[in-house]
Structures are given as C-alpha cells and as structure tokens.
Amino acid sequence: MPVLTCKYLIISCIDFRIQSLVSEWIHKKFPQELYDYAAFAGGVKNVVFAQEQIAIAKRLHNIQQVILIAHEDCGAYGNIEDVREIQRQDLQTAKETIKQSYPELEVYRYYLHVSGVFEEVKG
C-alpha cells in the first residue's frame, strides 16, 4: 500500500453552524493543500479523542501540522460562565498534550467567532 501524505490535520467541533465557515476558511488559508479533518462535539474539549485522531493521521498520512479550532457558543460546553476562557485553556492543554507526544508537530490554535472571524490564539 503506498504511503499517502498530507500536511495538516484540522480538528473542530461538529456544530453544523460552523461547518461552512470552517470549510471556506480552510480553502482560503490552505489552497491546493491536502488535509485530514476531524470534527467531534466540542473539538478540543475531548483531548483524548483528539490525540487518537492525531495518532491515526500521523501514522497514515504523516501530518506535519495540527490546526485546532474552538468556536463561540459551543453547545458541547453547556451553559457555563467564562466558557471562552475555558475553551482557550482547553486549546492550550490540547497543544501541550500534542507537543508532549509529538514534539515535531506544529500546533496552531484558533477561536472562531459566530460572525465568521477566525482569531489565532497565541501565547
């Protein structure tokens, strides 16, 4: 079986409200690039499941970068106070967890506003 490769694994939430926004953003930001895409409720909220997807994408497609996307008004987090800060912490935890297992991978984090604006999370 030939080795298939792609550069990116993009992880986001399953929320139907963001799917077209994510798709358009990917095609603008990474034109002509091949990528794997994993969507599950809460996205990075479930870092264990994210790690499983990364392991598969790394083994099968030799990914080099992981793009993590959290979004505003995410129902998987429920109705909790300071949810945006919790999502930012989850993005950071996911990045740290990924880097521990795969130090060679570049990890980028984004926060998607319901207006369609992607904000890169740094620091």
C-alpha atoms as a PDB file:
ATOM      1  CA  MET A   1       0.000   0.000   0.000  1.00  0.00           C
ATOM      2  CA  PRO A   2       1.528   3.358  -0.983  1.00  0.00           C
ATOM      3  CA  VAL A   3       2.133   5.943   1.705  1.00  0.00           C
ATOM      4  CA  LEU A   4      -0.350   8.780   1.419  1.00  0.00           C
ATOM      5  CA  THR A   5       0.667  12.086   2.908  1.00  0.00           C
ATOM      6  CA  CYS A   6      -0.943  15.375   3.721  1.00  0.00           C
ATOM      7  CA  LYS A   7       0.401  18.311   5.666  1.00  0.00           C
ATOM      8  CA  TYR A   8      -2.446  19.186   8.032  1.00  0.00           C
ATOM      9  CA  LEU A   9      -4.912  17.688  10.458  1.00  0.00           C
ATOM     10  CA  ILE A  10      -7.685  20.147  11.255  1.00  0.00           C
ATOM     11  CA  ILE A  11      -9.783  19.492  14.368  1.00  0.00           C
ATOM     12  CA  SER A  12     -13.029  21.321  15.093  1.00  0.00           C
ATOM     13  CA  CYS A  13     -16.491  20.845  16.545  1.00  0.00           C
ATOM     14  CA  ILE A  14     -19.321  19.055  14.725  1.00  0.00           C
ATOM     15  CA  ASP A  15     -21.646  22.058  15.058  1.00  0.00           C
ATOM     16  CA  PHE A  16     -23.441  22.483  11.730  1.00  0.00           C
ATOM     17  CA  ARG A  17     -23.409  26.261  12.179  1.00  0.00           C
ATOM     18  CA  ILE A  18     -19.641  26.444  11.728  1.00  0.00           C
ATOM     19  CA  GLN A  19     -19.052  23.816   9.029  1.00  0.00           C
ATOM     20  CA  SER A  20     -19.337  26.157   6.035  1.00  0.00           C
ATOM     21  CA  LEU A  21     -17.248  28.794   7.833  1.00  0.00           C
ATOM     22  CA  VAL A  22     -14.519  26.265   8.571  1.00  0.00           C
ATOM     23  CA  SER A  23     -14.620  24.866   5.037  1.00  0.00           C
ATOM     24  CA  GLU A  24     -14.350  28.305   3.409  1.00  0.00           C
ATOM     25  CA  TRP A  25     -11.530  29.305   5.762  1.00  0.00           C
ATOM     26  CA  ILE A  26      -9.573  26.117   5.037  1.00  0.00           C
ATOM     27  CA  HIS A  27      -9.838  26.598   1.279  1.00  0.00           C
ATOM     28  CA  LYS A  28      -8.720  30.236   1.539  1.00  0.00           C
ATOM     29  CA  LYS A  29      -5.927  29.637   4.042  1.00  0.00           C
ATOM     30  CA  PHE A  30      -4.605  26.377   2.566  1.00  0.00           C
ATOM     31  CA  PRO A  31      -5.398  26.448  -1.157  1.00  0.00           C
ATOM     32  CA  GLN A  32      -4.222  23.376  -3.022  1.00  0.00           C
ATOM     33  CA  GLU A  33      -3.172  21.669   0.221  1.00  0.00           C
ATOM     34  CA  LEU A  34      -4.250  18.209   1.264  1.00  0.00           C
ATOM     35  CA  TYR A  35      -5.544  17.833   4.815  1.00  0.00           C
ATOM     36  CA  ASP A  36      -7.286  15.460   7.166  1.00  0.00           C
ATOM     37  CA  TYR A  37     -10.310  16.804   9.013  1.00  0.00           C
ATOM     38  CA  ALA A  38     -11.749  15.545  12.288  1.00  0.00           C
ATOM     39  CA  ALA A  39     -14.920  17.006  13.769  1.00  0.00           C
ATOM     40  CA  PHE A  40     -16.451  15.891  17.026  1.00  0.00           C
ATOM     41  CA  ALA A  41     -18.577  17.538  19.698  1.00  0.00           C
ATOM     42  CA  GLY A  42     -16.561  20.190  21.478  1.00  0.00           C
ATOM     43  CA  GLY A  43     -13.460  19.538  19.375  1.00  0.00           C
ATOM     44  CA  VAL A  44     -10.502  20.097  21.703  1.00  0.00           C
ATOM     45  CA  LYS A  45     -12.727  19.671  24.743  1.00  0.00           C
ATOM     46  CA  ASN A  46     -12.053  15.951  24.324  1.00  0.00           C
ATOM     47  CA  VAL A  47      -8.252  15.941  24.143  1.00  0.00           C
ATOM     48  CA  VAL A  48      -8.074  12.138  24.416  1.00  0.00           C
ATOM     49  CA  PHE A  49     -10.161  11.678  21.274  1.00  0.00           C
ATOM     50  CA  ALA A  50      -8.165  14.422  19.558  1.00  0.00           C
ATOM     51  CA  GLN A  51      -4.954  12.542  20.403  1.00  0.00           C
ATOM     52  CA  GLU A  52      -6.383   9.371  18.855  1.00  0.00           C
ATOM     53  CA  GLN A  53      -7.148  11.232  15.624  1.00  0.00           C
ATOM     54  CA  ILE A  54      -3.660  12.745  15.586  1.00  0.00           C
ATOM     55  CA  ALA A  55      -2.057   9.322  16.062  1.00  0.00           C
ATOM     56  CA  ILE A  56      -4.009   7.922  13.123  1.00  0.00           C
ATOM     57  CA  ALA A  57      -3.319  10.924  10.862  1.00  0.00           C
ATOM     58  CA  LYS A  58       0.382  10.854  11.768  1.00  0.00           C
ATOM     59  CA  ARG A  59       0.696   7.126  11.141  1.00  0.00           C
ATOM     60  CA  LEU A  60      -1.328   7.018   7.929  1.00  0.00           C
ATOM     61  CA  HIS A  61      -0.631  10.413   6.379  1.00  0.00           C
ATOM     62  CA  ASN A  62       2.498  11.732   8.083  1.00  0.00           C
ATOM     63  CA  ILE A  63       0.893  15.051   9.030  1.00  0.00           C
ATOM     64  CA  GLN A  64       3.182  17.921   9.969  1.00  0.00           C
ATOM     65  CA  GLN A  65       0.767  20.430  11.469  1.00  0.00           C
ATOM     66  CA  VAL A  66      -2.336  20.316  13.641  1.00  0.00           C
ATOM     67  CA  ILE A  67      -4.902  23.102  13.461  1.00  0.00           C
ATOM     68  CA  LEU A  68      -7.213  23.274  16.498  1.00  0.00           C
ATOM     69  CA  ILE A  69     -10.438  25.274  16.220  1.00  0.00           C
ATOM     70  CA  ALA A  70     -12.745  26.151  19.114  1.00  0.00           C
ATOM     71  CA  HIS A  71     -15.834  28.241  18.476  1.00  0.00           C
ATOM     72  CA  GLU A  72     -18.102  30.751  20.131  1.00  0.00           C
ATOM     73  CA  ASP A  73     -21.415  29.490  21.526  1.00  0.00           C
ATOM     74  CA  CYS A  74     -20.321  25.832  21.564  1.00  0.00           C
ATOM     75  CA  GLY A  75     -23.142  23.701  22.955  1.00  0.00           C
ATOM     76  CA  ALA A  76     -20.775  20.903  23.980  1.00  0.00           C
ATOM     77  CA  TYR A  77     -19.538  23.164  26.777  1.00  0.00           C
ATOM     78  CA  GLY A  78     -23.045  23.807  28.032  1.00  0.00           C
ATOM     79  CA  ASN A  79     -24.231  26.999  29.625  1.00  0.00           C
ATOM     80  CA  ILE A  80     -21.265  27.864  31.832  1.00  0.00           C
ATOM     81  CA  GLU A  81     -19.773  31.149  32.852  1.00  0.00           C
ATOM     82  CA  ASP A  82     -16.466  32.179  31.244  1.00  0.00           C
ATOM     83  CA  VAL A  83     -16.805  29.493  28.566  1.00  0.00           C
ATOM     84  CA  ARG A  84     -14.477  31.386  26.219  1.00  0.00           C
ATOM     85  CA  GLU A  85     -11.694  31.303  28.811  1.00  0.00           C
ATOM     86  CA  ILE A  86     -12.297  27.593  29.398  1.00  0.00           C
ATOM     87  CA  GLN A  87     -12.080  26.971  25.652  1.00  0.00           C
ATOM     88  CA  ARG A  88      -8.805  28.900  25.494  1.00  0.00           C
ATOM     89  CA  GLN A  89      -7.473  26.766  28.345  1.00  0.00           C
ATOM     90  CA  ASP A  90      -8.607  23.635  26.507  1.00  0.00           C
ATOM     91  CA  LEU A  91      -6.821  24.823  23.369  1.00  0.00           C
ATOM     92  CA  GLN A  92      -3.651  25.342  25.410  1.00  0.00           C
ATOM     93  CA  THR A  93      -3.968  21.967  27.150  1.00  0.00           C
ATOM     94  CA  ALA A  94      -4.514  20.241  23.822  1.00  0.00           C
ATOM     95  CA  LYS A  95      -1.458  21.945  22.341  1.00  0.00           C
ATOM     96  CA  GLU A  96       0.719  20.958  25.296  1.00  0.00           C
ATOM     97  CA  THR A  97      -0.568  17.381  25.208  1.00  0.00           C
ATOM     98  CA  ILE A  98       0.082  17.091  21.475  1.00  0.00           C
ATOM     99  CA  LYS A  99       3.588  18.548  21.798  1.00  0.00           C
ATOM    100  CA  GLN A 100       4.431  16.048  24.568  1.00  0.00           C
ATOM    101  CA  SER A 101       3.529  13.133  22.315  1.00  0.00           C
ATOM    102  CA  TYR A 102       4.596  14.660  19.005  1.00  0.00           C
ATOM    103  CA  PRO A 103       7.196  17.395  19.540  1.00  0.00           C
ATOM    104  CA  GLU A 104       7.862  17.520  15.795  1.00  0.00           C
ATOM    105  CA  LEU A 105       4.319  18.663  15.003  1.00  0.00           C
ATOM    106  CA  GLU A 106       3.478  22.326  14.674  1.00  0.00           C
ATOM    107  CA  VAL A 107       0.253  23.158  16.512  1.00  0.00           C
ATOM    108  CA  TYR A 108      -1.892  26.211  15.787  1.00  0.00           C
ATOM    109  CA  ARG A 109      -4.969  27.289  17.723  1.00  0.00           C
ATOM    110  CA  TYR A 110      -7.917  29.332  16.525  1.00  0.00           C
ATOM    111  CA  TYR A 111     -11.069  30.704  18.066  1.00  0.00           C
ATOM    112  CA  LEU A 112     -13.953  31.042  15.617  1.00  0.00           C
ATOM    113  CA  HIS A 113     -16.482  33.778  16.265  1.00  0.00           C
ATOM    114  CA  VAL A 114     -20.034  33.176  15.036  1.00  0.00           C
ATOM    115  CA  SER A 115     -19.540  36.200  12.781  1.00  0.00           C
ATOM    116  CA  GLY A 116     -17.069  34.062  10.802  1.00  0.00           C
ATOM    117  CA  VAL A 117     -13.900  35.708  12.095  1.00  0.00           C
ATOM    118  CA  PHE A 118     -11.040  33.339  12.948  1.00  0.00           C
ATOM    119  CA  GLU A 119      -8.819  34.636  15.722  1.00  0.00           C
ATOM    120  CA  GLU A 120      -5.442  32.945  16.144  1.00  0.00           C
ATOM    121  CA  VAL A 121      -4.791  32.134  19.799  1.00  0.00           C
ATOM    122  CA  LYS A 122      -1.185  32.816  20.708  1.00  0.00           C
ATOM    123  CA  GLY A 123       0.865  32.504  23.836  1.00  0.00           C
END
